[in-house]
Structures are given as C-alpha cells and as structure tokens.
Amino acid sequence: MRLFHVSEEDNIEFFEPRLPTRTDLDQRTGLVWAINDKCLPNFLTPRNCPRVTYHIGKNTSEDDVERYFSSTNSTHVVVIENKWFETMKNTKLYLYEFDSKQFELLDEIAGYYISKTSQVPIERLEIIDLFNEHFNRNVEIRIVDNLWDICEEIQKTSLSWSMCRMEFAQPKKLL
C-alpha cells in the first residue's frame, strides 16, 4: 500500500505531528496525515479548492453507479466549482510518499492514515497537470457552478464520499 501527503510546497524534508483541529480526535496528540493511493484523487486539487468527491465502495448499489458515473471505466468522481478551473489548471502539486509501516488507518472510506511520530518522505513526486493526472487515473472531473446540491445529494447514496474545504464553496443558492 502506498501512502502520500499532498502539498503545494516543493521542499518539505520531514513532517512533524500537528495537533488536529477536528473535534472528533484527541486534540492533545499530534498527527502526521497521509492518504492512500485509492483516495489520492480527492486531494489532487489546489489546497483550498472546495470539492465533493465520491467513489464506488464495497456497498455501492448498481443504481448509484448508473446514476452518478458517466463512464464504465471510471470508479471515482471529483466535482469542483467552475471558479476554481483556472487555479486548478495552473497549480503544481507535490506528492510526498511515506513508508506505510509507520501509519495506522483512521478512516477506510476517506483513505486517511495517521502517524504519531515524525516522518521523512521516501520519495517526492511532482504533478504539473492536475487534470491530466485525474484522467490518467480514470477519474471523472465535473465542473459545476455550485457544489451544495451535489454535496447534499451524494450523502444520501450508497457511494463512498468526501467533502473537502466546503468553507470555501460558493454560498448555497436559495430558491
């Protein structure tokens, strides 16, 4: 299994555990976060780009696959707002790969792993074209004017989903 940390910074030599801001975690214990290769597409966007992501999981129904995927080759979708298109097109990311033996699973659906000790990456990869990286991974990219409808809808499905940086999303449209 491969684990990564995604960053716009190109020169990180080691990762120190940081106290989590999530209230469901012990806020006294610092953590180094990593993402598995399967869920990596969720983070192949500019850091603050709001996004709704979903993929086929072990409990996903055929009806949801037919309804939420436009290609039979794809098992993963990343939805961003159109105002982030240019930023995503012009952002370069770096993947810092870790030795997975020093991490423990935190959330299987989201692909989150954590370590309580400092980590030195075993490799650094550069991604220049984020859209192409998604396409090479058979990930569908959807671009919408507002994320809130798909955000609410996807949570009612059998798909595995994640919402990231929604505090930066366009305000919800009122009818």
C-alpha atoms as a PDB file:
ATOM      1  CA  MET A   1       0.000   0.000   0.000  1.00  0.00           C
ATOM      2  CA  ARG A   2       1.228   3.470  -0.896  1.00  0.00           C
ATOM      3  CA  LEU A   3       0.587   6.489   1.339  1.00  0.00           C
ATOM      4  CA  PHE A   4       1.063  10.153   0.429  1.00  0.00           C
ATOM      5  CA  HIS A   5       0.890  13.670   1.711  1.00  0.00           C
ATOM      6  CA  VAL A   6      -0.123  16.211  -0.952  1.00  0.00           C
ATOM      7  CA  SER A   7       1.252  19.746  -0.862  1.00  0.00           C
ATOM      8  CA  GLU A   8       1.852  22.815  -2.988  1.00  0.00           C
ATOM      9  CA  GLU A   9       5.194  23.138  -1.157  1.00  0.00           C
ATOM     10  CA  ASP A  10       8.112  21.610  -3.029  1.00  0.00           C
ATOM     11  CA  ASN A  11      10.730  21.376  -0.277  1.00  0.00           C
ATOM     12  CA  ILE A  12       9.344  19.524   2.745  1.00  0.00           C
ATOM     13  CA  GLU A  13      12.113  17.384   4.211  1.00  0.00           C
ATOM     14  CA  PHE A  14      10.253  15.985   7.221  1.00  0.00           C
ATOM     15  CA  PHE A  15       6.759  16.072   8.681  1.00  0.00           C
ATOM     16  CA  GLU A  16       6.225  16.820  12.348  1.00  0.00           C
ATOM     17  CA  PRO A  17       2.992  15.720  14.044  1.00  0.00           C
ATOM     18  CA  ARG A  18       0.499  18.593  14.324  1.00  0.00           C
ATOM     19  CA  LEU A  19      -2.388  18.909  16.731  1.00  0.00           C
ATOM     20  CA  PRO A  20      -5.652  18.143  14.910  1.00  0.00           C
ATOM     21  CA  THR A  21      -8.386  20.731  14.587  1.00  0.00           C
ATOM     22  CA  ARG A  22     -11.074  18.065  14.192  1.00  0.00           C
ATOM     23  CA  THR A  23     -13.139  17.827  17.360  1.00  0.00           C
ATOM     24  CA  ASP A  24     -13.625  14.052  16.972  1.00  0.00           C
ATOM     25  CA  LEU A  25      -9.884  13.485  17.536  1.00  0.00           C
ATOM     26  CA  ASP A  26      -7.729  13.880  20.652  1.00  0.00           C
ATOM     27  CA  GLN A  27      -6.571  17.470  20.292  1.00  0.00           C
ATOM     28  CA  ARG A  28      -3.602  16.839  22.586  1.00  0.00           C
ATOM     29  CA  THR A  29      -1.967  14.266  20.286  1.00  0.00           C
ATOM     30  CA  GLY A  30      -0.116  15.498  17.220  1.00  0.00           C
ATOM     31  CA  LEU A  31      -0.566  13.597  13.957  1.00  0.00           C
ATOM     32  CA  VAL A  32       1.046  13.300  10.549  1.00  0.00           C
ATOM     33  CA  TRP A  33      -1.680  12.724   7.967  1.00  0.00           C
ATOM     34  CA  ALA A  34      -1.452  10.590   4.842  1.00  0.00           C
ATOM     35  CA  ILE A  35      -3.854   9.451   2.143  1.00  0.00           C
ATOM     36  CA  ASN A  36      -3.896   6.093   0.390  1.00  0.00           C
ATOM     37  CA  ASP A  37      -3.477   5.780  -3.372  1.00  0.00           C
ATOM     38  CA  LYS A  38      -7.141   4.862  -3.913  1.00  0.00           C
ATOM     39  CA  CYS A  39      -8.395   8.131  -2.376  1.00  0.00           C
ATOM     40  CA  LEU A  40      -5.499  10.280  -3.597  1.00  0.00           C
ATOM     41  CA  PRO A  41      -7.665  11.902  -6.341  1.00  0.00           C
ATOM     42  CA  ASN A  42      -9.637  13.634  -3.558  1.00  0.00           C
ATOM     43  CA  PHE A  43      -6.529  15.737  -2.905  1.00  0.00           C
ATOM     44  CA  LEU A  44      -5.231  16.332  -6.427  1.00  0.00           C
ATOM     45  CA  THR A  45      -6.614  19.866  -6.391  1.00  0.00           C
ATOM     46  CA  PRO A  46      -5.358  23.209  -5.078  1.00  0.00           C
ATOM     47  CA  ARG A  47      -5.351  23.092  -1.272  1.00  0.00           C
ATOM     48  CA  ASN A  48      -8.331  25.346  -0.622  1.00  0.00           C
ATOM     49  CA  CYS A  49     -10.365  24.243  -3.629  1.00  0.00           C
ATOM     50  CA  PRO A  50     -13.774  23.111  -2.341  1.00  0.00           C
ATOM     51  CA  ARG A  51     -14.760  19.741  -3.736  1.00  0.00           C
ATOM     52  CA  VAL A  52     -17.211  16.912  -3.485  1.00  0.00           C
ATOM     53  CA  THR A  53     -15.646  13.552  -4.224  1.00  0.00           C
ATOM     54  CA  TYR A  54     -17.108  10.094  -4.413  1.00  0.00           C
ATOM     55  CA  HIS A  55     -16.103   6.621  -5.474  1.00  0.00           C
ATOM     56  CA  ILE A  56     -17.523   3.147  -5.761  1.00  0.00           C
ATOM     57  CA  GLY A  57     -17.250   1.298  -2.473  1.00  0.00           C
ATOM     58  CA  LYS A  58     -17.983  -2.234  -1.397  1.00  0.00           C
ATOM     59  CA  ASN A  59     -21.629  -1.345  -0.575  1.00  0.00           C
ATOM     60  CA  THR A  60     -22.359   0.817  -3.638  1.00  0.00           C
ATOM     61  CA  SER A  61     -25.549  -0.101  -5.493  1.00  0.00           C
ATOM     62  CA  GLU A  62     -25.719  -0.609  -9.255  1.00  0.00           C
ATOM     63  CA  ASP A  63     -28.398   2.097  -9.411  1.00  0.00           C
ATOM     64  CA  ASP A  64     -25.998   4.645  -7.891  1.00  0.00           C
ATOM     65  CA  VAL A  65     -23.219   3.621 -10.288  1.00  0.00           C
ATOM     66  CA  GLU A  66     -25.546   4.097 -13.256  1.00  0.00           C
ATOM     67  CA  ARG A  67     -26.843   7.418 -11.954  1.00  0.00           C
ATOM     68  CA  TYR A  68     -23.591   9.071 -10.824  1.00  0.00           C
ATOM     69  CA  PHE A  69     -20.974   7.830 -13.311  1.00  0.00           C
ATOM     70  CA  SER A  70     -20.888   8.681 -16.992  1.00  0.00           C
ATOM     71  CA  SER A  71     -18.202   6.140 -17.891  1.00  0.00           C
ATOM     72  CA  THR A  72     -17.922   2.443 -17.136  1.00  0.00           C
ATOM     73  CA  ASN A  73     -14.121   2.888 -16.885  1.00  0.00           C
ATOM     74  CA  SER A  74     -14.402   5.311 -14.010  1.00  0.00           C
ATOM     75  CA  THR A  75     -14.862   4.450 -10.345  1.00  0.00           C
ATOM     76  CA  HIS A  76     -14.118   7.896  -8.890  1.00  0.00           C
ATOM     77  CA  VAL A  77     -15.503  11.436  -9.417  1.00  0.00           C
ATOM     78  CA  VAL A  78     -14.162  14.810  -8.271  1.00  0.00           C
ATOM     79  CA  VAL A  79     -16.556  17.760  -8.520  1.00  0.00           C
ATOM     80  CA  ILE A  80     -15.223  21.330  -8.331  1.00  0.00           C
ATOM     81  CA  GLU A  81     -16.733  24.757  -8.861  1.00  0.00           C
ATOM     82  CA  ASN A  82     -16.081  26.488 -12.152  1.00  0.00           C
ATOM     83  CA  LYS A  83     -14.404  29.447 -10.423  1.00  0.00           C
ATOM     84  CA  TRP A  84     -11.566  27.037  -9.465  1.00  0.00           C
ATOM     85  CA  PHE A  85     -10.924  25.781 -13.005  1.00  0.00           C
ATOM     86  CA  GLU A  86      -8.100  28.229 -13.840  1.00  0.00           C
ATOM     87  CA  THR A  87      -6.469  27.841 -10.444  1.00  0.00           C
ATOM     88  CA  MET A  88      -6.514  24.058 -10.805  1.00  0.00           C
ATOM     89  CA  LYS A  89      -5.135  24.332 -14.329  1.00  0.00           C
ATOM     90  CA  ASN A  90      -2.209  26.422 -13.054  1.00  0.00           C
ATOM     91  CA  THR A  91      -1.384  24.642  -9.786  1.00  0.00           C
ATOM     92  CA  LYS A  92       1.549  22.293  -9.345  1.00  0.00           C
ATOM     93  CA  LEU A  93       1.407  19.698  -6.576  1.00  0.00           C
ATOM     94  CA  TYR A  94       3.979  17.536  -4.846  1.00  0.00           C
ATOM     95  CA  LEU A  95       3.283  14.068  -3.526  1.00  0.00           C
ATOM     96  CA  TYR A  96       5.399  13.030  -0.582  1.00  0.00           C
ATOM     97  CA  GLU A  97       5.348   9.274  -0.238  1.00  0.00           C
ATOM     98  CA  PHE A  98       5.749   7.651   3.175  1.00  0.00           C
ATOM     99  CA  ASP A  99       6.754   4.243   4.443  1.00  0.00           C
ATOM    100  CA  SER A 100       3.297   2.854   5.230  1.00  0.00           C
ATOM    101  CA  LYS A 101       4.553   0.658   8.105  1.00  0.00           C
ATOM    102  CA  GLN A 102       4.593   3.667  10.422  1.00  0.00           C
ATOM    103  CA  PHE A 103       0.929   4.609   9.866  1.00  0.00           C
ATOM    104  CA  GLU A 104      -2.403   3.338  11.139  1.00  0.00           C
ATOM    105  CA  LEU A 105      -5.770   3.502   9.425  1.00  0.00           C
ATOM    106  CA  LEU A 106      -8.062   6.278  10.654  1.00  0.00           C
ATOM    107  CA  ASP A 107     -10.883   6.234   8.070  1.00  0.00           C
ATOM    108  CA  GLU A 108     -11.171   3.495   5.437  1.00  0.00           C
ATOM    109  CA  ILE A 109     -13.745   5.276   3.247  1.00  0.00           C
ATOM    110  CA  ALA A 110     -11.775   8.545   3.162  1.00  0.00           C
ATOM    111  CA  GLY A 111      -8.440   6.711   2.879  1.00  0.00           C
ATOM    112  CA  TYR A 112      -6.945   8.590   5.866  1.00  0.00           C
ATOM    113  CA  TYR A 113      -3.937   7.229   7.722  1.00  0.00           C
ATOM    114  CA  ILE A 114      -2.145   8.797  10.667  1.00  0.00           C
ATOM    115  CA  SER A 115       1.177   8.548  12.428  1.00  0.00           C
ATOM    116  CA  LYS A 116       2.011   9.974  15.841  1.00  0.00           C
ATOM    117  CA  THR A 117       5.719  10.206  15.024  1.00  0.00           C
ATOM    118  CA  SER A 118       7.767  12.470  12.764  1.00  0.00           C
ATOM    119  CA  GLN A 119       8.026  11.231   9.191  1.00  0.00           C
ATOM    120  CA  VAL A 120      10.658  11.576   6.488  1.00  0.00           C
ATOM    121  CA  PRO A 121       9.290  11.053   2.974  1.00  0.00           C
ATOM    122  CA  ILE A 122      10.800   8.195   0.992  1.00  0.00           C
ATOM    123  CA  GLU A 123      10.035   9.933  -2.318  1.00  0.00           C
ATOM    124  CA  ARG A 124       8.759  13.215  -3.741  1.00  0.00           C
ATOM    125  CA  LEU A 125       6.772  13.261  -6.970  1.00  0.00           C
ATOM    126  CA  GLU A 126       5.788  16.358  -8.937  1.00  0.00           C
ATOM    127  CA  ILE A 127       2.410  16.749 -10.647  1.00  0.00           C
ATOM    128  CA  ILE A 128       2.309  19.565 -13.170  1.00  0.00           C
ATOM    129  CA  ASP A 129      -1.071  18.913 -14.837  1.00  0.00           C
ATOM    130  CA  LEU A 130      -3.749  18.076 -12.259  1.00  0.00           C
ATOM    131  CA  PHE A 131      -6.474  17.441 -14.810  1.00  0.00           C
ATOM    132  CA  ASN A 132      -4.287  15.023 -16.742  1.00  0.00           C
ATOM    133  CA  GLU A 133      -3.337  13.237 -13.520  1.00  0.00           C
ATOM    134  CA  HIS A 134      -7.016  12.626 -12.812  1.00  0.00           C
ATOM    135  CA  PHE A 135      -7.664  11.447 -16.362  1.00  0.00           C
ATOM    136  CA  ASN A 136      -4.695   9.038 -16.157  1.00  0.00           C
ATOM    137  CA  ARG A 137      -6.303   7.558 -13.042  1.00  0.00           C
ATOM    138  CA  ASN A 138      -9.706   7.190 -14.806  1.00  0.00           C
ATOM    139  CA  VAL A 139     -11.220   9.798 -12.504  1.00  0.00           C
ATOM    140  CA  GLU A 140     -14.108  11.851 -13.831  1.00  0.00           C
ATOM    141  CA  ILE A 141     -13.839  15.595 -13.240  1.00  0.00           C
ATOM    142  CA  ARG A 142     -17.082  17.523 -13.054  1.00  0.00           C
ATOM    143  CA  ILE A 143     -17.241  21.292 -13.023  1.00  0.00           C
ATOM    144  CA  VAL A 144     -20.351  22.958 -11.627  1.00  0.00           C
ATOM    145  CA  ASP A 145     -21.307  26.492 -10.648  1.00  0.00           C
ATOM    146  CA  ASN A 146     -22.254  25.487  -7.082  1.00  0.00           C
ATOM    147  CA  LEU A 147     -21.346  22.408  -5.006  1.00  0.00           C
ATOM    148  CA  TRP A 148     -24.161  22.383  -2.462  1.00  0.00           C
ATOM    149  CA  ASP A 149     -26.751  20.445  -4.466  1.00  0.00           C
ATOM    150  CA  ILE A 150     -24.365  17.567  -5.268  1.00  0.00           C
ATOM    151  CA  CYS A 151     -22.998  17.730  -1.720  1.00  0.00           C
ATOM    152  CA  GLU A 152     -26.419  17.123  -0.208  1.00  0.00           C
ATOM    153  CA  GLU A 153     -27.491  14.609  -2.851  1.00  0.00           C
ATOM    154  CA  ILE A 154     -24.398  12.387  -2.742  1.00  0.00           C
ATOM    155  CA  GLN A 155     -24.675  11.937   1.031  1.00  0.00           C
ATOM    156  CA  LYS A 156     -27.981  10.098   0.500  1.00  0.00           C
ATOM    157  CA  THR A 157     -26.411   7.487  -1.825  1.00  0.00           C
ATOM    158  CA  SER A 158     -24.596   4.210  -1.265  1.00  0.00           C
ATOM    159  CA  LEU A 159     -21.378   5.735  -2.675  1.00  0.00           C
ATOM    160  CA  SER A 160     -18.261   6.387  -0.601  1.00  0.00           C
ATOM    161  CA  TRP A 161     -17.939  10.167  -0.445  1.00  0.00           C
ATOM    162  CA  SER A 162     -15.880  13.012   0.963  1.00  0.00           C
ATOM    163  CA  MET A 163     -16.406  16.762   1.066  1.00  0.00           C
ATOM    164  CA  CYS A 164     -13.288  18.901   1.354  1.00  0.00           C
ATOM    165  CA  ARG A 165     -12.796  22.616   2.016  1.00  0.00           C
ATOM    166  CA  MET A 166     -16.506  23.353   1.721  1.00  0.00           C
ATOM    167  CA  GLU A 167     -15.994  26.543   3.735  1.00  0.00           C
ATOM    168  CA  PHE A 168     -14.524  27.987   0.502  1.00  0.00           C
ATOM    169  CA  ALA A 169     -17.522  26.956  -1.659  1.00  0.00           C
ATOM    170  CA  GLN A 170     -19.905  29.446  -3.234  1.00  0.00           C
ATOM    171  CA  PRO A 171     -22.832  30.176  -0.915  1.00  0.00           C
ATOM    172  CA  LYS A 172     -25.759  27.840  -1.259  1.00  0.00           C
ATOM    173  CA  LYS A 173     -28.278  29.103  -3.794  1.00  0.00           C
ATOM    174  CA  LEU A 174     -31.671  29.889  -2.355  1.00  0.00           C
ATOM    175  CA  LEU A 175     -34.790  29.422  -4.455  1.00  0.00           C
END
